[in-house]
Protein backbone atom coordinates (compact mmCIF):
# COMPACT_ATOMS: atom_id res chain seq x y z
CA MET A 1 1.56 34.77 -22.68
CA SER A 2 5.27 35.40 -23.11
CA HIS A 3 7.25 36.89 -20.23
CA PHE A 4 9.55 38.52 -22.77
CA GLN A 5 8.75 41.95 -24.11
CA PRO A 6 7.90 41.88 -27.84
CA ASP A 7 11.36 43.03 -29.01
CA ILE A 8 13.14 40.56 -26.70
CA ARG A 9 10.83 37.76 -27.83
CA HIS A 10 11.57 38.57 -31.48
CA ARG A 11 15.31 38.49 -30.81
CA ALA A 12 14.90 35.19 -28.95
CA GLU A 13 13.14 33.61 -31.93
CA GLU A 14 15.88 34.88 -34.24
CA LEU A 15 18.50 33.28 -31.99
CA ILE A 16 16.74 29.94 -31.83
CA ALA A 17 16.52 29.84 -35.63
CA LEU A 18 20.33 29.91 -35.83
CA TYR A 19 20.75 26.59 -34.01
CA PRO A 20 19.95 23.04 -35.14
CA ARG A 21 18.41 22.40 -31.72
CA ALA A 22 16.64 25.00 -29.63
CA ARG A 23 18.47 23.82 -26.49
CA SER A 24 21.75 25.02 -28.00
CA ALA A 25 20.49 28.62 -27.80
CA MET A 26 20.13 28.50 -24.02
CA LEU A 27 23.08 30.71 -23.10
CA PRO A 28 22.29 33.62 -25.43
CA LEU A 29 18.64 33.35 -24.41
CA LEU A 30 19.68 33.67 -20.77
CA HIS A 31 21.50 36.86 -21.65
CA LEU A 32 18.30 38.19 -23.21
CA ALA A 33 16.32 37.30 -20.10
CA GLN A 34 18.88 39.05 -17.92
CA GLU A 35 18.90 42.08 -20.22
CA GLN A 36 15.16 42.48 -19.75
CA ASP A 37 14.92 41.85 -16.00
CA GLY A 38 18.41 42.79 -14.78
CA TYR A 39 18.84 39.26 -13.42
CA LEU A 40 17.44 35.79 -14.12
CA SER A 41 13.97 35.94 -12.63
CA GLU A 42 11.87 32.82 -12.18
CA ALA A 43 9.62 33.96 -15.02
CA GLY A 44 12.65 34.52 -17.23
CA ILE A 45 14.02 31.07 -16.45
CA GLU A 46 10.65 29.48 -17.21
CA GLU A 47 10.49 31.37 -20.51
CA VAL A 48 13.93 30.12 -21.56
CA ALA A 49 12.97 26.57 -20.54
CA SER A 50 9.84 26.78 -22.67
CA LEU A 51 11.73 28.15 -25.67
CA THR A 52 14.43 25.49 -25.47
CA GLY A 53 12.21 22.52 -24.68
CA THR A 54 13.93 21.92 -21.35
CA THR A 55 12.97 22.34 -17.70
CA SER A 56 13.44 25.24 -15.32
CA ALA A 57 15.84 23.04 -13.34
CA ASP A 58 17.97 22.51 -16.47
CA VAL A 59 18.08 26.24 -17.15
CA ARG A 60 18.80 27.20 -13.55
CA GLY A 61 21.56 24.59 -13.27
CA THR A 62 23.20 25.87 -16.44
CA ALA A 63 22.98 29.49 -15.36
CA ALA A 64 24.44 28.72 -11.93
CA PHE A 65 27.67 27.55 -13.59
CA TYR A 66 28.48 30.96 -15.07
CA ASP A 67 29.50 34.10 -13.17
CA MET A 68 27.88 36.47 -15.67
CA TYR A 69 24.39 35.26 -14.78
CA HIS A 70 22.71 36.35 -11.57
CA LEU A 71 19.92 34.29 -10.06
CA GLU A 72 18.97 36.99 -7.57
CA PRO A 73 18.33 40.71 -8.05
CA VAL A 74 21.43 42.89 -8.32
CA GLY A 75 22.03 46.61 -8.55
CA LYS A 76 21.81 48.67 -11.70
CA TYR A 77 25.59 48.57 -11.67
CA VAL A 78 27.55 45.43 -10.80
CA VAL A 79 31.04 46.52 -9.76
CA GLY A 80 33.74 43.86 -9.98
CA VAL A 81 37.15 44.36 -8.36
CA CYS A 82 39.88 41.86 -9.15
CA THR A 83 42.05 40.53 -6.33
CA ASN A 84 43.99 37.98 -8.36
CA ILE A 85 47.78 37.98 -8.13
CA ALA A 86 48.68 41.01 -10.30
CA CYS A 87 45.89 43.10 -8.80
CA LEU A 88 46.61 41.78 -5.30
CA LEU A 89 50.20 43.02 -5.54
CA ALA A 90 48.90 46.37 -6.80
CA GLY A 91 46.64 46.82 -3.77
CA GLY A 92 43.52 44.96 -4.95
CA GLU A 93 42.38 43.97 -1.45
CA GLU A 94 42.75 47.52 -0.14
CA PHE A 95 40.94 48.81 -3.22
CA LEU A 96 38.09 46.37 -2.65
CA GLU A 97 37.79 47.54 0.95
CA HIS A 98 37.67 51.16 -0.21
CA ALA A 99 35.00 50.28 -2.78
CA SER A 100 32.94 48.64 -0.06
CA GLN A 101 33.14 51.79 2.06
CA LYS A 102 32.34 54.11 -0.86
CA LEU A 103 29.36 52.05 -1.98
CA ASP A 104 28.28 51.42 1.62
CA CYS A 105 27.76 47.70 1.05
CA ALA A 106 29.67 44.53 1.85
CA VAL A 107 31.31 42.46 -0.85
CA GLY A 108 28.67 40.25 -2.43
CA SER A 109 25.80 42.54 -1.47
CA THR A 110 23.85 45.47 -2.90
CA SER A 111 23.80 49.03 -1.66
CA SER A 112 20.70 50.22 0.17
CA ASP A 113 19.70 52.46 -2.75
CA GLY A 114 19.72 49.46 -5.09
CA LEU A 115 22.22 51.04 -7.45
CA PHE A 116 25.39 49.04 -6.80
CA THR A 117 26.31 45.41 -6.26
CA LEU A 118 29.94 44.80 -5.29
CA GLU A 119 31.78 41.64 -6.28
CA GLU A 120 35.28 40.30 -5.73
CA THR A 121 36.35 38.76 -9.02
CA GLU A 122 38.98 36.49 -10.45
CA CYS A 123 41.29 37.73 -13.20
CA LEU A 124 39.58 40.25 -15.51
CA ALA A 125 42.44 40.10 -18.03
CA ASP A 126 43.45 43.75 -17.83
CA CYS A 127 46.50 43.26 -15.65
CA ASP A 128 48.43 46.28 -16.92
CA LYS A 129 45.73 48.47 -15.33
CA ALA A 130 45.83 46.84 -11.91
CA PRO A 131 43.87 46.74 -9.76
CA CYS A 132 41.35 45.97 -12.48
CA VAL A 133 37.76 47.15 -12.12
CA GLN A 134 34.71 46.42 -14.27
CA VAL A 135 31.22 47.83 -14.11
CA ASN A 136 28.59 45.69 -15.85
CA HIS A 137 31.44 43.88 -17.61
CA ARG A 138 32.83 47.13 -19.03
CA TYR A 139 36.44 48.04 -18.27
CA VAL A 140 36.48 51.37 -16.45
CA ARG A 141 40.21 51.44 -15.72
CA THR A 142 39.99 53.34 -12.49
CA THR A 143 42.93 52.23 -10.39
CA THR A 144 43.01 54.66 -7.46
CA PRO A 145 40.51 55.38 -4.68
CA GLU A 146 40.13 58.92 -5.99
CA THR A 147 39.27 57.91 -9.54
CA PHE A 148 36.94 55.22 -8.21
CA ASP A 149 35.07 57.79 -6.14
CA THR A 150 34.68 60.00 -9.21
CA LEU A 151 33.43 57.01 -11.20
CA VAL A 152 30.80 56.17 -8.59
CA ASP A 153 29.63 59.78 -8.39
CA ASP A 154 29.33 59.95 -12.18
CA LEU A 155 27.35 56.71 -12.26
CA ARG A 156 25.00 57.97 -9.58
CA GLU A 157 24.37 61.14 -11.58
CA GLY A 158 23.79 59.23 -14.83
CA LYS A 159 26.75 60.82 -16.57
CA LEU A 160 28.02 57.46 -17.87
CA ASP A 161 24.75 55.93 -19.05
CA HIS A 162 25.97 55.95 -22.64
CA ASP A 163 29.13 54.01 -21.75
CA VAL A 164 27.77 51.79 -18.99
CA PRO A 165 24.17 50.64 -19.55
CA SER A 166 22.15 48.91 -16.85
CA HIS A 167 23.28 45.46 -15.77
CA GLY A 168 22.32 42.68 -18.16
CA THR A 169 22.78 44.64 -21.37
CA LEU A 170 25.71 43.13 -23.20
CA ILE A 171 25.31 45.21 -26.34
CA ARG A 172 22.88 47.98 -27.21
CA VAL A 173 23.53 48.17 -30.95
CA ARG A 174 22.05 45.52 -33.22
CA ARG A 175 24.72 44.42 -35.66
CA ASN A 176 23.88 43.69 -39.27
CA GLY A 177 27.25 42.26 -40.23
CA GLY A 178 28.51 38.72 -39.98
CA LEU A 179 26.81 35.57 -41.20
CA ARG A 180 23.08 36.09 -41.62
CA ALA A 181 20.28 34.33 -43.42
CA ALA A 182 16.56 34.78 -43.60
CA ARG A 183 14.76 32.68 -41.01
CA GLN A 184 12.72 30.82 -43.62
CA GLU A 185 15.90 30.03 -45.54
CA ILE A 186 17.38 28.45 -42.44
CA VAL A 187 14.21 26.43 -41.87
CA ASP A 188 14.17 25.24 -45.49
CA GLN A 189 17.84 24.24 -45.44
CA ARG A 190 17.37 22.26 -42.25
CA ALA A 191 14.34 20.52 -43.71
CA ARG A 192 16.30 19.55 -46.82
CA SER A 193 19.19 18.35 -44.68
CA SER A 194 16.88 16.21 -42.53
CA ALA A 195 15.24 14.75 -45.61
CA ALA A 196 18.63 13.91 -47.11
CA ARG A 197 19.74 12.15 -43.90
CA ALA A 198 16.52 10.18 -43.78
CA GLN A 199 16.96 9.12 -47.40
CA ARG A 200 20.56 8.00 -46.81
CA ALA A 201 19.47 6.04 -43.76
CA GLU A 202 16.72 4.36 -45.80
CA GLU A 203 19.14 3.49 -48.60
CA ALA A 204 21.61 2.02 -46.13
CA LYS A 205 19.08 -0.54 -44.88
């Protein structure tokens, strides 16, 4: 039985069909697993391993390389405060300390109510709004303690759910644009391509 919910499983199968090898779909599949569970659970990792024909160790090792994946439970909102050079000069360390006090959790930990996880981040590439802050990888552009406090209060009250979905959700709107092809068409094209390669190899003997 699949660990993925039916809609997530369907999206996973669509993703795999886009790649010549299922293993190549590992990263977007990890995002799907994290979208469902909020982090990469053991069951989610095993599901991705099964779908890609790899092992749980392969999947876990890949996920551990990237900051956007979390191998342990995190809060509904992952708050990242940059302390790289531009933000550091703009008071990034002091801002991070204030955020820790407001959220009542240490850097790298989750608040007791389970809502917030606080992270110190490297450059978030929004240096003109230093110190830069992201919540669930969304720029919130709150650069003072006062605006940060308002942000946190609004998140607690659910006022920003439309703009900042729960952690793990990269995009909530399914896009119909871009390059698309019916799944069976992709399968047929790959079969023809494989047959053509086999024929060329046979003729080259």
